[in-house]
Amino acid sequence: MTGNITLTMIKPMAVKKGFIGPILHKIAEGGFRIVAMKYMKLTLEQAEKFYEVHRERPFYQELTEFMSSGPIIAAILEKENAVQAYRDYIGATDPAKSEAGTIRALYGTNLGMNAVHGSDSDDNAKVEADFFFSSLERF
């Protein structure tokens, strides 16, 4: 399955602004199939564990506090070459630098609150998917 899945999260600010439906619609329009999905709120400890790869980066504390500040939607998406296809589809991390029509350009607030997460590699997609979902939760 490596190469055909990616993990996304609709981040707290996008959830708060009521963008769950439009973002999920946009994902479906992009030809991605939702394999698993859940609505949840990360604890600070869970956010720190999920983003531990960034622990030494200057934005780590702000990121983990933001990601545990409200509910999120976590989902595994399936499509051929899913990681790259989704990263192209969501746009640049900074919504101001994202191409028009991408998810981050449409629904992102700023660099830190960029609406959605997307896995950055096939290996991380598997690790991230396993963080949120058991095999019993995937369809």
N, C-alpha and C. Protein backbone atom coordinates (compact mmCIF):
# COMPACT_ATOMS: atom_id res chain seq x y z
N MET A 1 0.81 -1.19 0.00
CA MET A 1 0.00 0.00 0.00
C MET A 1 0.86 1.27 0.00
N THR A 2 2.14 1.17 0.35
CA THR A 2 3.02 2.32 0.32
C THR A 2 3.00 2.94 -1.07
N GLY A 3 2.90 4.25 -1.10
CA GLY A 3 2.83 4.94 -2.37
C GLY A 3 1.40 5.27 -2.76
N ASN A 4 0.44 4.59 -2.14
CA ASN A 4 -0.95 4.83 -2.49
C ASN A 4 -1.76 5.46 -1.37
N ILE A 5 -1.14 5.74 -0.22
CA ILE A 5 -1.86 6.41 0.85
C ILE A 5 -1.10 7.65 1.32
N THR A 6 -1.85 8.56 1.91
CA THR A 6 -1.29 9.70 2.60
C THR A 6 -2.21 10.01 3.76
N LEU A 7 -1.69 10.73 4.74
CA LEU A 7 -2.52 11.13 5.86
C LEU A 7 -2.77 12.63 5.75
N THR A 8 -3.99 13.01 6.02
CA THR A 8 -4.31 14.42 6.13
C THR A 8 -4.97 14.67 7.47
N MET A 9 -4.84 15.87 7.94
CA MET A 9 -5.61 16.35 9.08
C MET A 9 -6.19 17.70 8.69
N ILE A 10 -7.46 17.89 8.95
CA ILE A 10 -8.05 19.22 8.86
C ILE A 10 -7.77 19.83 10.23
N LYS A 11 -7.02 20.92 10.21
CA LYS A 11 -6.47 21.49 11.45
C LYS A 11 -7.52 22.30 12.22
N PRO A 12 -7.24 22.57 13.52
CA PRO A 12 -8.22 23.21 14.40
C PRO A 12 -8.84 24.51 13.87
N MET A 13 -8.07 25.40 13.27
CA MET A 13 -8.65 26.66 12.82
C MET A 13 -9.63 26.43 11.67
N ALA A 14 -9.30 25.51 10.76
CA ALA A 14 -10.21 25.21 9.65
C ALA A 14 -11.49 24.55 10.16
N VAL A 15 -11.37 23.69 11.18
CA VAL A 15 -12.55 23.09 11.79
C VAL A 15 -13.39 24.18 12.44
N LYS A 16 -12.74 25.06 13.20
CA LYS A 16 -13.45 26.15 13.90
C LYS A 16 -14.19 27.06 12.91
N LYS A 17 -13.60 27.29 11.75
CA LYS A 17 -14.21 28.17 10.75
C LYS A 17 -15.30 27.47 9.93
N GLY A 18 -15.54 26.19 10.19
CA GLY A 18 -16.60 25.47 9.50
C GLY A 18 -16.23 24.96 8.12
N PHE A 19 -14.94 24.69 7.90
CA PHE A 19 -14.47 24.27 6.58
C PHE A 19 -14.38 22.76 6.39
N ILE A 20 -14.88 21.96 7.33
CA ILE A 20 -14.79 20.50 7.19
C ILE A 20 -15.45 20.04 5.90
N GLY A 21 -16.70 20.40 5.70
CA GLY A 21 -17.44 19.97 4.51
C GLY A 21 -16.79 20.41 3.22
N PRO A 22 -16.48 21.70 3.06
CA PRO A 22 -15.83 22.14 1.83
C PRO A 22 -14.48 21.47 1.56
N ILE A 23 -13.70 21.24 2.61
CA ILE A 23 -12.39 20.60 2.41
C ILE A 23 -12.59 19.14 2.00
N LEU A 24 -13.49 18.42 2.67
CA LEU A 24 -13.74 17.03 2.29
C LEU A 24 -14.28 16.95 0.86
N HIS A 25 -15.12 17.88 0.47
CA HIS A 25 -15.63 17.93 -0.90
C HIS A 25 -14.48 18.14 -1.89
N LYS A 26 -13.59 19.06 -1.56
CA LYS A 26 -12.44 19.36 -2.42
C LYS A 26 -11.54 18.12 -2.54
N ILE A 27 -11.34 17.41 -1.44
CA ILE A 27 -10.53 16.19 -1.46
C ILE A 27 -11.15 15.17 -2.40
N ALA A 28 -12.46 14.99 -2.30
CA ALA A 28 -13.16 14.05 -3.19
C ALA A 28 -13.05 14.50 -4.65
N GLU A 29 -13.18 15.78 -4.90
CA GLU A 29 -13.04 16.30 -6.27
C GLU A 29 -11.67 16.01 -6.85
N GLY A 30 -10.67 15.93 -5.98
CA GLY A 30 -9.30 15.67 -6.42
C GLY A 30 -9.04 14.19 -6.71
N GLY A 31 -10.06 13.37 -6.55
CA GLY A 31 -9.91 11.95 -6.87
C GLY A 31 -9.33 11.11 -5.75
N PHE A 32 -9.30 11.65 -4.54
CA PHE A 32 -8.80 10.91 -3.38
C PHE A 32 -9.96 10.15 -2.75
N ARG A 33 -9.68 8.91 -2.36
CA ARG A 33 -10.68 8.08 -1.68
C ARG A 33 -10.35 8.06 -0.19
N ILE A 34 -11.34 8.32 0.64
CA ILE A 34 -11.14 8.29 2.09
C ILE A 34 -11.20 6.84 2.55
N VAL A 35 -10.08 6.36 3.10
CA VAL A 35 -9.94 4.99 3.57
C VAL A 35 -10.31 4.88 5.04
N ALA A 36 -10.07 5.95 5.81
CA ALA A 36 -10.38 6.00 7.24
C ALA A 36 -10.52 7.47 7.62
N MET A 37 -11.38 7.74 8.61
CA MET A 37 -11.56 9.12 9.03
C MET A 37 -12.09 9.16 10.45
N LYS A 38 -11.62 10.14 11.22
CA LYS A 38 -12.17 10.35 12.56
C LYS A 38 -12.08 11.82 12.96
N TYR A 39 -13.03 12.20 13.81
CA TYR A 39 -13.12 13.54 14.38
C TYR A 39 -12.66 13.41 15.82
N MET A 40 -11.65 14.19 16.21
CA MET A 40 -11.08 14.02 17.54
C MET A 40 -10.34 15.27 17.97
N LYS A 41 -9.95 15.31 19.22
CA LYS A 41 -9.11 16.39 19.74
C LYS A 41 -7.84 15.76 20.30
N LEU A 42 -6.71 16.17 19.76
CA LEU A 42 -5.42 15.69 20.25
C LEU A 42 -5.10 16.33 21.59
N THR A 43 -4.52 15.56 22.50
CA THR A 43 -3.93 16.15 23.70
C THR A 43 -2.60 16.77 23.29
N LEU A 44 -2.05 17.60 24.15
CA LEU A 44 -0.74 18.18 23.86
C LEU A 44 0.30 17.07 23.72
N GLU A 45 0.21 16.05 24.55
CA GLU A 45 1.16 14.94 24.50
C GLU A 45 1.05 14.18 23.18
N GLN A 46 -0.16 13.96 22.70
CA GLN A 46 -0.35 13.29 21.41
C GLN A 46 0.21 14.14 20.26
N ALA A 47 -0.04 15.43 20.30
CA ALA A 47 0.48 16.33 19.26
C ALA A 47 2.01 16.33 19.28
N GLU A 48 2.60 16.34 20.48
CA GLU A 48 4.05 16.31 20.59
C GLU A 48 4.61 15.01 20.03
N LYS A 49 3.95 13.90 20.30
CA LYS A 49 4.41 12.61 19.77
C LYS A 49 4.28 12.58 18.25
N PHE A 50 3.14 13.03 17.74
CA PHE A 50 2.93 13.02 16.29
C PHE A 50 3.98 13.86 15.57
N TYR A 51 4.30 15.02 16.11
CA TYR A 51 5.24 15.94 15.46
C TYR A 51 6.66 15.85 16.02
N GLU A 52 7.00 14.75 16.71
CA GLU A 52 8.31 14.65 17.34
C GLU A 52 9.47 14.78 16.35
N VAL A 53 9.24 14.49 15.08
CA VAL A 53 10.27 14.66 14.06
C VAL A 53 10.70 16.13 13.96
N HIS A 54 9.85 17.05 14.40
CA HIS A 54 10.14 18.49 14.35
C HIS A 54 10.57 19.05 15.71
N ARG A 55 10.81 18.18 16.67
CA ARG A 55 11.08 18.62 18.05
C ARG A 55 12.15 19.71 18.15
N GLU A 56 13.17 19.65 17.35
CA GLU A 56 14.27 20.62 17.44
C GLU A 56 14.02 21.90 16.62
N ARG A 57 12.93 21.94 15.89
CA ARG A 57 12.62 23.10 15.05
C ARG A 57 12.02 24.22 15.89
N PRO A 58 12.26 25.47 15.51
CA PRO A 58 11.76 26.60 16.31
C PRO A 58 10.23 26.69 16.40
N PHE A 59 9.52 26.10 15.47
CA PHE A 59 8.06 26.19 15.45
C PHE A 59 7.37 25.05 16.20
N TYR A 60 8.13 24.11 16.73
CA TYR A 60 7.56 22.90 17.33
C TYR A 60 6.54 23.19 18.43
N GLN A 61 6.90 24.02 19.40
CA GLN A 61 5.99 24.29 20.52
C GLN A 61 4.72 24.96 20.03
N GLU A 62 4.84 25.96 19.18
CA GLU A 62 3.66 26.65 18.65
C GLU A 62 2.77 25.67 17.86
N LEU A 63 3.40 24.80 17.06
CA LEU A 63 2.66 23.83 16.26
C LEU A 63 1.90 22.85 17.14
N THR A 64 2.56 22.28 18.13
CA THR A 64 1.90 21.29 18.98
C THR A 64 0.80 21.91 19.83
N GLU A 65 1.00 23.13 20.29
CA GLU A 65 -0.05 23.82 21.05
C GLU A 65 -1.25 24.10 20.15
N PHE A 66 -0.99 24.55 18.94
CA PHE A 66 -2.08 24.80 17.99
C PHE A 66 -2.84 23.52 17.66
N MET A 67 -2.11 22.45 17.36
CA MET A 67 -2.75 21.21 16.95
C MET A 67 -3.55 20.55 18.08
N SER A 68 -3.28 20.93 19.32
CA SER A 68 -4.04 20.40 20.45
C SER A 68 -5.05 21.42 20.98
N SER A 69 -5.25 22.51 20.26
CA SER A 69 -6.12 23.60 20.73
C SER A 69 -7.60 23.38 20.43
N GLY A 70 -7.91 22.44 19.57
CA GLY A 70 -9.31 22.20 19.22
C GLY A 70 -9.42 20.92 18.41
N PRO A 71 -10.64 20.56 18.03
CA PRO A 71 -10.83 19.32 17.28
C PRO A 71 -10.20 19.37 15.89
N ILE A 72 -9.89 18.17 15.40
CA ILE A 72 -9.34 17.98 14.06
C ILE A 72 -10.11 16.85 13.38
N ILE A 73 -9.93 16.73 12.09
CA ILE A 73 -10.36 15.56 11.34
C ILE A 73 -9.07 14.91 10.85
N ALA A 74 -8.86 13.65 11.18
CA ALA A 74 -7.73 12.88 10.66
C ALA A 74 -8.29 11.90 9.63
N ALA A 75 -7.60 11.75 8.51
CA ALA A 75 -8.09 10.84 7.47
C ALA A 75 -6.93 10.25 6.68
N ILE A 76 -7.09 8.99 6.30
CA ILE A 76 -6.18 8.36 5.36
C ILE A 76 -6.81 8.49 3.99
N LEU A 77 -6.04 8.99 3.05
CA LEU A 77 -6.51 9.15 1.68
C LEU A 77 -5.76 8.18 0.78
N GLU A 78 -6.45 7.68 -0.21
CA GLU A 78 -5.85 6.73 -1.15
C GLU A 78 -5.96 7.27 -2.57
N LYS A 79 -4.87 7.13 -3.28
CA LYS A 79 -4.79 7.51 -4.69
C LYS A 79 -3.41 7.07 -5.16
N GLU A 80 -3.24 6.82 -6.44
CA GLU A 80 -1.91 6.49 -6.94
C GLU A 80 -0.99 7.67 -6.67
N ASN A 81 0.23 7.36 -6.18
CA ASN A 81 1.22 8.39 -5.84
C ASN A 81 0.61 9.42 -4.88
N ALA A 82 -0.08 8.93 -3.86
CA ALA A 82 -0.90 9.76 -2.98
C ALA A 82 -0.16 10.91 -2.31
N VAL A 83 1.03 10.65 -1.79
CA VAL A 83 1.74 11.70 -1.05
C VAL A 83 2.00 12.90 -1.96
N GLN A 84 2.63 12.67 -3.08
CA GLN A 84 2.95 13.79 -3.97
C GLN A 84 1.70 14.42 -4.57
N ALA A 85 0.74 13.58 -4.94
CA ALA A 85 -0.50 14.11 -5.52
C ALA A 85 -1.22 15.02 -4.52
N TYR A 86 -1.25 14.61 -3.26
CA TYR A 86 -1.94 15.42 -2.25
C TYR A 86 -1.16 16.68 -1.93
N ARG A 87 0.16 16.57 -1.82
CA ARG A 87 0.96 17.76 -1.54
C ARG A 87 0.79 18.80 -2.65
N ASP A 88 0.76 18.35 -3.89
CA ASP A 88 0.51 19.27 -5.00
C ASP A 88 -0.88 19.88 -4.90
N TYR A 89 -1.84 19.08 -4.50
CA TYR A 89 -3.24 19.48 -4.46
C TYR A 89 -3.54 20.48 -3.34
N ILE A 90 -2.83 20.35 -2.20
CA ILE A 90 -3.12 21.25 -1.07
C ILE A 90 -2.37 22.58 -1.18
N GLY A 91 -1.28 22.62 -1.92
CA GLY A 91 -0.54 23.87 -2.09
C GLY A 91 0.57 24.04 -1.07
N ALA A 92 1.26 25.15 -1.19
CA ALA A 92 2.41 25.46 -0.33
C ALA A 92 1.97 25.59 1.13
N THR A 93 2.91 25.33 2.03
CA THR A 93 2.63 25.42 3.47
C THR A 93 2.08 26.80 3.84
N ASP A 94 2.62 27.84 3.25
CA ASP A 94 2.15 29.20 3.48
C ASP A 94 1.00 29.47 2.51
N PRO A 95 -0.23 29.62 3.01
CA PRO A 95 -1.37 29.84 2.11
C PRO A 95 -1.18 31.03 1.18
N ALA A 96 -0.45 32.05 1.62
CA ALA A 96 -0.21 33.24 0.79
C ALA A 96 0.64 32.90 -0.43
N LYS A 97 1.40 31.80 -0.35
CA LYS A 97 2.26 31.38 -1.47
C LYS A 97 1.68 30.19 -2.23
N SER A 98 0.49 29.75 -1.83
CA SER A 98 -0.16 28.61 -2.49
C SER A 98 -0.82 29.05 -3.79
N GLU A 99 -0.81 28.15 -4.74
CA GLU A 99 -1.46 28.39 -6.02
C GLU A 99 -2.97 28.55 -5.80
N ALA A 100 -3.58 29.45 -6.54
CA ALA A 100 -5.03 29.67 -6.44
C ALA A 100 -5.78 28.35 -6.66
N GLY A 101 -6.80 28.14 -5.86
CA GLY A 101 -7.63 26.95 -5.99
C GLY A 101 -7.17 25.78 -5.15
N THR A 102 -5.95 25.83 -4.58
CA THR A 102 -5.50 24.74 -3.71
C THR A 102 -6.21 24.84 -2.36
N ILE A 103 -6.23 23.77 -1.62
CA ILE A 103 -6.92 23.74 -0.33
C ILE A 103 -6.35 24.80 0.61
N ARG A 104 -5.04 24.91 0.67
CA ARG A 104 -4.46 25.89 1.60
C ARG A 104 -4.72 27.32 1.15
N ALA A 105 -4.73 27.58 -0.14
CA ALA A 105 -5.05 28.93 -0.62
C ALA A 105 -6.50 29.28 -0.29
N LEU A 106 -7.38 28.31 -0.44
CA LEU A 106 -8.81 28.56 -0.20
C LEU A 106 -9.17 28.66 1.28
N TYR A 107 -8.56 27.81 2.12
CA TYR A 107 -9.03 27.67 3.50
C TYR A 107 -7.98 27.94 4.58
N GLY A 108 -6.74 28.18 4.20
CA GLY A 108 -5.70 28.44 5.18
C GLY A 108 -5.76 29.86 5.70
N THR A 109 -5.33 30.05 6.95
CA THR A 109 -5.32 31.37 7.57
C THR A 109 -3.95 32.03 7.42
N ASN A 110 -2.91 31.27 7.75
CA ASN A 110 -1.53 31.77 7.64
C ASN A 110 -0.59 30.58 7.68
N LEU A 111 0.70 30.84 7.71
CA LEU A 111 1.70 29.77 7.69
C LEU A 111 1.47 28.74 8.79
N GLY A 112 1.19 29.18 9.99
CA GLY A 112 0.99 28.26 11.11
C GLY A 112 -0.37 27.59 11.10
N MET A 113 -1.35 28.25 10.52
CA MET A 113 -2.73 27.74 10.49
C MET A 113 -3.14 27.53 9.03
N ASN A 114 -2.48 26.55 8.40
CA ASN A 114 -2.61 26.38 6.95
C ASN A 114 -3.69 25.38 6.52
N ALA A 115 -4.67 25.17 7.35
CA ALA A 115 -5.88 24.38 7.08
C ALA A 115 -5.70 22.87 7.13
N VAL A 116 -4.68 22.31 6.47
CA VAL A 116 -4.54 20.86 6.42
C VAL A 116 -3.10 20.41 6.53
N HIS A 117 -2.94 19.22 7.06
CA HIS A 117 -1.65 18.52 7.08
C HIS A 117 -1.64 17.54 5.92
N GLY A 118 -0.47 17.32 5.34
CA GLY A 118 -0.28 16.27 4.36
C GLY A 118 1.05 15.59 4.60
N SER A 119 1.08 14.28 4.56
CA SER A 119 2.32 13.53 4.76
C SER A 119 3.39 14.01 3.77
N ASP A 120 4.66 13.95 4.20
CA ASP A 120 5.74 14.44 3.34
C ASP A 120 6.54 13.32 2.66
N SER A 121 6.22 12.07 2.96
CA SER A 121 6.89 10.95 2.30
C SER A 121 6.03 9.70 2.46
N ASP A 122 6.30 8.70 1.63
CA ASP A 122 5.57 7.44 1.74
C ASP A 122 5.81 6.79 3.10
N ASP A 123 7.05 6.83 3.57
CA ASP A 123 7.35 6.23 4.87
C ASP A 123 6.58 6.93 5.99
N ASN A 124 6.59 8.28 5.97
CA ASN A 124 5.86 9.02 7.00
C ASN A 124 4.36 8.83 6.88
N ALA A 125 3.85 8.66 5.67
CA ALA A 125 2.41 8.42 5.50
C ALA A 125 2.00 7.16 6.24
N LYS A 126 2.81 6.11 6.15
CA LYS A 126 2.49 4.87 6.85
C LYS A 126 2.55 5.06 8.36
N VAL A 127 3.61 5.71 8.84
CA VAL A 127 3.77 5.96 10.28
C VAL A 127 2.60 6.81 10.79
N GLU A 128 2.27 7.86 10.05
CA GLU A 128 1.20 8.77 10.47
C GLU A 128 -0.17 8.07 10.44
N ALA A 129 -0.42 7.28 9.41
CA ALA A 129 -1.68 6.54 9.33
C ALA A 129 -1.80 5.59 10.52
N ASP A 130 -0.71 4.90 10.85
CA ASP A 130 -0.70 3.97 11.97
C ASP A 130 -0.87 4.68 13.31
N PHE A 131 -0.45 5.94 13.39
CA PHE A 131 -0.61 6.73 14.61
C PHE A 131 -2.10 6.90 14.95
N PHE A 132 -2.92 7.11 13.93
CA PHE A 132 -4.33 7.40 14.14
C PHE A 132 -5.27 6.21 13.98
N PHE A 133 -4.91 5.23 13.14
CA PHE A 133 -5.88 4.21 12.75
C PHE A 133 -5.33 2.79 12.86
N SER A 134 -6.15 1.91 13.42
CA SER A 134 -5.83 0.49 13.41
C SER A 134 -6.29 -0.09 12.08
N SER A 135 -5.92 -1.32 11.80
CA SER A 135 -6.36 -1.96 10.55
C SER A 135 -7.87 -2.15 10.53
N LEU A 136 -8.49 -2.25 11.69
CA LEU A 136 -9.95 -2.41 11.78
C LEU A 136 -10.72 -1.14 11.41
N GLU A 137 -10.03 -0.02 11.37
CA GLU A 137 -10.67 1.26 11.07
C GLU A 137 -10.48 1.71 9.62
N ARG A 138 -9.88 0.86 8.83
CA ARG A 138 -9.58 1.21 7.43
C ARG A 138 -10.48 0.42 6.49
N PHE A 139 -11.02 1.11 5.50
CA PHE A 139 -11.96 0.47 4.59
C PHE A 139 -11.61 0.71 3.14
